[in-house]
Protein backbone atom coordinates (compact mmCIF):
# COMPACT_ATOMS: atom_id res chain seq x y z
CA MET A 1 1.74 -14.93 -50.65
CA THR A 2 2.79 -12.39 -53.24
CA GLY A 3 1.83 -11.31 -56.71
CA PRO A 4 3.65 -9.58 -59.57
CA ASN A 5 6.33 -6.98 -58.98
CA PRO A 6 4.65 -3.74 -57.83
CA THR A 7 6.47 -1.79 -60.52
CA SER A 8 4.56 -3.72 -63.19
CA SER A 9 1.17 -2.95 -61.66
CA SER A 10 -0.97 0.17 -61.91
CA ILE A 11 -2.20 -0.44 -58.35
CA ALA A 12 -0.02 -0.16 -55.26
CA TYR A 13 -1.04 -2.02 -52.11
CA ASP A 14 0.32 0.77 -49.89
CA HIS A 15 -1.95 3.30 -51.61
CA VAL A 16 -4.98 1.07 -51.12
CA GLU A 17 -4.16 0.47 -47.45
CA GLN A 18 -3.69 4.20 -46.80
CA ALA A 19 -7.07 4.98 -48.35
CA ILE A 20 -8.70 2.32 -46.19
CA GLN A 21 -7.11 3.65 -43.01
CA THR A 22 -8.14 7.20 -43.85
CA VAL A 23 -11.84 6.30 -43.63
CA GLY A 24 -11.41 4.54 -40.26
CA LEU A 25 -10.98 0.93 -41.34
CA ILE A 26 -8.06 -1.50 -41.38
CA VAL A 27 -6.86 -4.19 -43.77
CA MET A 28 -7.72 -7.56 -42.23
CA GLY A 29 -6.19 -9.61 -45.00
CA ALA A 30 -5.33 -9.75 -48.68
CA LEU A 31 -5.32 -12.62 -51.15
CA HIS A 32 -5.19 -13.63 -54.77
CA PRO A 33 -8.26 -15.72 -55.61
CA ARG A 34 -6.41 -17.37 -58.51
CA LEU A 35 -3.80 -18.78 -56.13
CA THR A 36 -5.97 -19.52 -53.11
CA GLY A 37 -9.13 -20.83 -54.74
CA ALA A 38 -11.29 -18.27 -52.93
CA LYS A 39 -14.98 -18.95 -53.41
CA GLN A 40 -17.07 -16.92 -55.87
CA LEU A 41 -14.10 -15.03 -57.26
CA GLU A 42 -11.90 -15.46 -60.31
CA GLY A 43 -8.54 -13.73 -60.44
CA GLY A 44 -7.59 -10.28 -59.29
CA THR A 45 -6.83 -9.21 -55.73
CA LEU A 46 -9.16 -9.20 -52.74
CA ILE A 47 -8.63 -6.88 -49.76
CA LEU A 48 -10.60 -7.62 -46.58
CA LEU A 49 -11.65 -4.60 -44.51
CA GLY A 50 -12.38 -4.54 -40.79
CA ALA A 51 -13.13 -2.25 -37.89
CA GLY A 52 -10.02 -0.84 -36.23
CA ARG A 53 -9.45 1.66 -33.43
CA ALA A 54 -10.68 4.61 -35.51
CA PHE A 55 -13.88 2.95 -36.67
CA TRP A 56 -16.16 3.67 -33.70
CA PRO A 57 -15.47 7.44 -33.48
CA LYS A 58 -15.93 7.72 -37.26
CA LEU A 59 -19.26 5.91 -37.10
CA LYS A 60 -20.59 7.96 -34.18
CA SER A 61 -19.85 11.21 -36.01
CA ALA A 62 -21.49 10.03 -39.25
CA PRO A 63 -25.13 10.63 -40.30
CA GLU A 64 -25.80 6.87 -40.26
CA TRP A 65 -25.37 6.82 -36.48
CA LEU A 66 -28.89 8.17 -36.01
CA SER A 67 -30.47 5.64 -38.39
CA ALA A 68 -31.48 2.00 -38.05
CA HIS A 69 -28.64 -0.49 -38.57
CA PRO A 70 -25.97 2.24 -38.45
CA VAL A 71 -22.95 -0.10 -38.74
CA ASP A 72 -24.13 -1.74 -41.96
CA ARG A 73 -25.39 1.53 -43.45
CA TRP A 74 -22.09 3.27 -42.72
CA SER A 75 -20.12 0.33 -44.11
CA SER A 76 -22.19 0.28 -47.31
CA ARG A 77 -21.64 3.96 -47.96
CA VAL A 78 -17.98 4.25 -46.98
CA ILE A 79 -16.78 1.04 -48.61
CA GLY A 80 -18.92 1.72 -51.66
CA GLU A 81 -17.20 5.09 -52.03
CA LEU A 82 -13.80 3.45 -51.57
CA ALA A 83 -14.60 0.94 -54.28
CA ARG A 84 -15.61 3.70 -56.66
CA ASP A 85 -12.53 5.81 -55.94
CA LEU A 86 -10.08 2.90 -56.14
CA GLY A 87 -11.63 1.11 -59.11
CA ALA A 88 -12.74 -2.00 -57.24
CA GLU A 89 -15.93 -3.96 -56.60
CA ALA A 90 -17.35 -3.86 -53.08
CA HIS A 91 -18.55 -6.95 -51.21
CA PHE A 92 -20.26 -7.06 -47.82
CA PRO A 93 -20.85 -9.75 -45.16
CA PHE A 94 -24.46 -8.60 -44.74
CA GLY A 95 -27.44 -7.97 -47.00
CA GLY A 96 -28.18 -11.61 -47.85
CA PRO A 97 -29.13 -14.26 -48.41
CA PRO A 98 -27.14 -15.14 -50.34
CA TYR A 99 -24.13 -13.97 -48.37
CA ALA A 100 -20.59 -13.42 -49.62
CA PRO A 101 -18.25 -16.19 -48.32
CA PHE A 102 -16.28 -13.98 -45.93
CA ILE A 103 -15.24 -16.88 -43.68
CA ASP A 104 -13.70 -18.69 -46.66
CA TRP A 105 -11.95 -15.51 -47.79
CA ALA A 106 -10.68 -14.76 -44.29
CA LEU A 107 -9.25 -18.24 -43.78
CA LYS A 108 -7.58 -18.18 -47.20
CA SER A 109 -5.94 -14.83 -46.49
CA GLY A 110 -3.50 -16.57 -44.13
CA ARG A 111 -4.22 -14.04 -41.38
CA THR A 112 -7.40 -15.50 -39.88
CA PHE A 113 -7.70 -18.93 -38.31
CA SER A 114 -10.06 -21.17 -36.36
CA SER A 115 -9.50 -20.76 -32.61
CA PRO A 116 -9.62 -23.59 -30.04
CA VAL A 117 -13.28 -22.67 -29.38
CA GLY A 118 -14.21 -22.59 -33.06
CA ALA A 119 -14.59 -18.82 -33.40
CA LEU A 120 -12.29 -17.03 -35.80
CA VAL A 121 -9.07 -15.48 -34.53
CA HIS A 122 -7.01 -12.87 -36.37
CA ASP A 123 -3.25 -12.46 -36.22
CA THR A 124 -3.55 -8.81 -35.11
CA VAL A 125 -6.91 -8.20 -33.41
CA GLY A 126 -7.39 -11.65 -31.95
CA MET A 127 -11.02 -12.69 -31.53
CA MET A 128 -12.41 -9.15 -31.75
CA ILE A 129 -13.04 -9.58 -35.46
CA SER A 130 -15.48 -7.34 -37.30
CA PHE A 131 -15.31 -7.64 -41.08
CA ARG A 132 -17.10 -4.69 -42.62
CA GLY A 133 -16.53 -5.46 -46.28
CA ALA A 134 -14.04 -6.28 -49.02
CA LEU A 135 -12.63 -4.72 -52.17
CA HIS A 136 -12.09 -6.93 -55.21
CA PHE A 137 -9.72 -5.55 -57.82
CA ALA A 138 -9.65 -7.03 -61.31
CA GLU A 139 -5.88 -6.64 -61.37
CA GLU A 140 -3.60 -9.05 -59.54
CA PHE A 141 -1.09 -6.83 -57.75
CA SER A 142 1.50 -7.49 -55.07
CA ILE A 143 0.36 -7.95 -51.48
CA PRO A 144 2.36 -8.46 -48.26
CA GLN A 145 3.64 -11.90 -47.43
CA VAL A 146 2.20 -13.61 -44.37
CA THR A 147 3.39 -16.59 -42.35
CA GLY A 148 0.06 -18.37 -42.42
CA ILE A 149 0.75 -19.65 -38.88
CA SER A 150 -2.06 -19.37 -36.35
CA PRO A 151 -1.27 -17.39 -33.18
CA CYS A 152 -3.09 -20.14 -31.28
CA VAL A 153 -0.14 -22.50 -31.84
CA THR A 154 1.80 -20.87 -29.01
CA CYS A 155 -1.18 -19.77 -26.88
CA ALA A 156 -2.44 -21.37 -23.67
CA ALA A 157 -6.01 -20.95 -24.96
CA PRO A 158 -7.63 -18.91 -22.17
CA CYS A 159 -10.64 -18.61 -24.49
CA ALA A 160 -11.50 -22.26 -23.81
CA GLN A 161 -12.17 -21.54 -20.14
CA ALA A 162 -13.45 -17.96 -20.20
CA CYS A 163 -17.15 -18.40 -20.98
CA PRO A 164 -19.14 -18.57 -17.71
CA VAL A 165 -21.58 -21.13 -19.14
CA GLY A 166 -19.25 -22.96 -21.51
CA ALA A 167 -21.09 -21.77 -24.61
CA LEU A 168 -17.70 -21.35 -26.29
CA ASN A 169 -15.43 -24.24 -25.43
CA ASN A 170 -12.77 -26.49 -26.94
CA HIS A 171 -14.80 -29.68 -27.27
CA SER A 172 -18.08 -28.80 -28.98
CA PHE A 173 -19.58 -26.25 -31.35
CA TYR A 174 -20.89 -22.91 -30.12
CA ASP A 175 -23.95 -23.41 -27.90
CA VAL A 176 -26.02 -20.43 -29.00
CA GLY A 177 -28.92 -21.30 -26.73
CA ALA A 178 -26.75 -21.39 -23.61
CA CYS A 179 -25.22 -18.07 -24.60
CA HIS A 180 -28.59 -16.34 -25.04
CA SER A 181 -29.90 -17.81 -21.78
CA HIS A 182 -26.90 -16.46 -19.88
CA LEU A 183 -27.18 -13.02 -21.48
CA SER A 184 -30.72 -12.74 -20.13
CA THR A 185 -29.53 -13.10 -16.53
CA VAL A 186 -28.07 -10.54 -14.16
CA GLU A 187 -24.71 -12.28 -14.37
CA GLY A 188 -24.81 -12.03 -18.14
CA GLN A 189 -24.86 -8.23 -18.08
CA THR A 190 -21.06 -8.23 -17.85
CA CYS A 191 -20.96 -9.73 -21.33
CA MET A 192 -23.76 -7.47 -22.56
CA THR A 193 -22.02 -4.26 -21.55
CA GLY A 194 -18.38 -5.18 -22.11
CA GLY A 195 -18.37 -7.88 -24.74
CA CYS A 196 -17.97 -11.65 -24.95
CA LEU A 197 -15.60 -12.81 -22.21
CA ALA A 198 -14.21 -15.62 -24.34
CA ARG A 199 -13.31 -13.25 -27.16
CA LEU A 200 -11.88 -10.71 -24.76
CA SER A 201 -9.68 -13.35 -23.13
CA CYS A 202 -7.64 -13.80 -26.31
CA PRO A 203 -4.25 -12.11 -25.68
CA LEU A 204 -4.39 -10.48 -29.10
CA SER A 205 -7.86 -9.02 -28.65
CA LYS A 206 -6.44 -6.05 -26.75
CA ASN A 207 -4.80 -4.92 -30.00
CA ALA A 208 -8.24 -4.22 -31.45
CA GLY A 209 -8.63 -1.17 -29.21
CA ARG A 210 -12.31 -2.04 -28.94
CA ASP A 211 -14.42 0.55 -27.14
CA PRO A 212 -16.74 -1.23 -24.65
CA GLU A 213 -19.58 0.88 -26.06
CA GLN A 214 -18.95 -0.70 -29.46
CA SER A 215 -19.02 -4.20 -27.97
CA ALA A 216 -22.25 -3.37 -26.13
CA HIS A 217 -23.80 -2.18 -29.40
CA HIS A 218 -22.97 -5.48 -31.11
CA MET A 219 -24.17 -7.49 -28.11
CA ARG A 220 -27.55 -5.74 -28.19
CA ALA A 221 -27.86 -6.52 -31.88
CA PHE A 222 -27.06 -10.18 -31.14
CA HIS A 223 -29.26 -10.39 -28.04
CA PRO A 224 -32.07 -7.80 -28.15
CA SER A 225 -33.79 -7.28 -24.80
């Protein structure tokens, strides 16, 4: 999945990626809406941004950490500044409705796929996916090629057996009620403090370098006590 020759473009993918990494984020995918038919976009280049290893320390040292909804507030500020500096338009997976179609964009990037249990899986960070925003450039510039092959093709799918109550499984959609019920029990505190066992069981999830404190933060947001 490539665009024009980089020498003919005023924007270099490597420069964009370096700027994204500098603020504590990672590139989760890149695509050309014109070629992929990405929803709500026409032309240009879209870069998907996610939380990498450096994200959590950056957030905890930022002023937003002491405010309500620190993750979204930090993402709005940092990605908004990136968009301004790089000449792009910022999009976020929060703040709706309506919501930007991040699932459609992720799947069309060729780096994110549907796992055996229905949740998304990424070719680098596995099921520990946290999209924080996206940058849409008006210009269509070259992006790295990807295989477009799901890592699940050669995986034994431990995720299908990892959930203690079968809320995430390989034969039905996510049972949100069963998940919440389990999280309210003593046994469910393992998931509350360390993260979803099904997501953690993905062999690629270890590449995310996810701090258990970060997972606990997200779990509390999902299942407030």
